[in-house]
Protein backbone atom coordinates (compact mmCIF):
# COMPACT_ATOMS: atom_id res chain seq x y z
CA MET A 1 122.04 115.73 135.88
CA GLU A 2 119.00 114.57 134.72
CA LYS A 3 119.32 112.46 131.07
CA GLY A 4 118.66 114.45 127.96
CA GLY A 5 118.03 117.64 130.14
CA ASP A 6 121.10 119.27 128.57
CA ILE A 7 119.94 119.05 125.17
CA PHE A 8 118.25 122.75 125.53
CA GLN A 9 120.84 124.11 126.80
CA THR A 10 123.34 126.33 125.19
CA PRO A 11 126.10 123.86 123.87
CA GLU A 12 130.12 124.10 125.03
CA ARG A 13 131.27 124.46 121.49
CA PRO A 14 130.15 126.04 118.62
CA VAL A 15 127.50 124.29 116.63
CA GLY A 16 128.62 124.18 112.40
CA LYS A 17 126.55 125.16 109.97
CA SER A 18 124.54 122.59 107.94
CA LYS A 19 124.73 121.70 104.70
CA VAL A 20 121.96 122.88 102.32
CA ARG A 21 121.27 120.05 99.86
CA VAL A 22 119.94 120.94 96.48
CA VAL A 23 116.73 119.32 95.38
CA PRO A 24 116.41 118.79 91.67
CA ASP A 25 112.87 120.91 90.24
CA VAL A 26 111.80 117.72 89.13
CA TYR A 27 110.41 116.20 92.85
CA PHE A 28 108.03 119.31 92.78
CA LEU A 29 106.63 118.35 89.29
CA PRO A 30 102.99 117.01 88.96
CA ARG A 31 102.78 113.32 88.33
CA ARG A 32 99.57 111.39 87.57
CA SER A 33 98.06 108.58 89.98
CA ILE A 34 98.70 105.09 88.99
CA PRO A 35 94.81 104.23 87.91
CA ARG A 36 95.14 107.60 85.90
CA THR A 37 98.71 106.37 84.26
CA ILE A 38 97.25 102.85 83.15
CA ALA A 39 94.36 104.34 81.92
CA LEU A 40 96.32 106.54 79.62
CA TYR A 41 98.78 103.72 78.58
CA ALA A 42 95.77 101.17 77.84
CA PHE A 43 94.19 103.56 75.93
CA LEU A 44 96.81 104.57 73.60
CA THR A 45 97.76 101.29 73.31
CA ALA A 46 94.19 100.06 72.12
CA ALA A 47 94.31 103.35 69.92
CA GLY A 48 97.14 102.21 68.65
CA VAL A 49 96.30 98.38 67.80
CA GLY A 50 92.76 99.85 66.66
CA ALA A 51 94.58 102.07 63.68
CA GLY A 52 97.21 98.63 63.15
CA MET A 53 93.89 96.53 62.41
CA LEU A 54 93.03 99.80 59.81
CA VAL A 55 95.72 99.84 58.08
CA GLU A 56 95.86 96.06 57.45
CA GLN A 57 92.80 96.45 55.93
CA TRP A 58 93.36 98.99 53.86
CA ILE A 59 96.72 97.15 52.69
CA ASN A 60 94.80 94.06 51.99
CA LYS A 61 92.12 95.90 50.41
CA GLN A 62 94.62 97.62 47.93
CA VAL A 63 96.59 94.61 47.08
CA GLU A 64 93.44 92.43 46.26
CA ASN A 65 92.60 95.35 43.79
CA ASP A 66 96.33 95.40 42.60
CA THR A 67 96.05 91.35 42.02
CA ALA A 68 93.51 91.39 39.58
CA ILE A 69 95.32 93.90 37.51
CA LEU A 70 98.32 92.08 37.83
CA PHE A 71 97.32 88.34 37.21
CA ARG A 72 94.86 89.60 34.04
CA LYS A 73 95.61 87.63 30.96
CA LYS A 74 96.56 88.72 28.03
CA ASP A 75 93.36 87.46 25.96
CA ASP A 76 91.15 89.02 28.81
CA PRO A 77 88.26 91.48 27.23
CA GLU A 78 89.01 93.82 29.95
CA THR A 79 92.55 94.38 29.18
CA LYS A 80 92.43 94.63 24.88
CA GLU A 81 92.85 97.79 23.76
CA THR A 82 90.02 99.31 21.94
């Protein structure tokens, strides 16, 4: 008998049913490529940093305007009532 020749013949014992694996749907969702993902997160990070810089400038401007009002002297002509 040839080695491996009996593979295509009918087996002597019955073949059991194979288990069917349940594959999660996550495996079939579309995914972005690595460069596209890196570019997206780099853009979002840069936008966040830019927004933070604008907010910082706005806060500094507000503080500068408010400190001028807070620290005026009482005998300042701008604060005297007419």
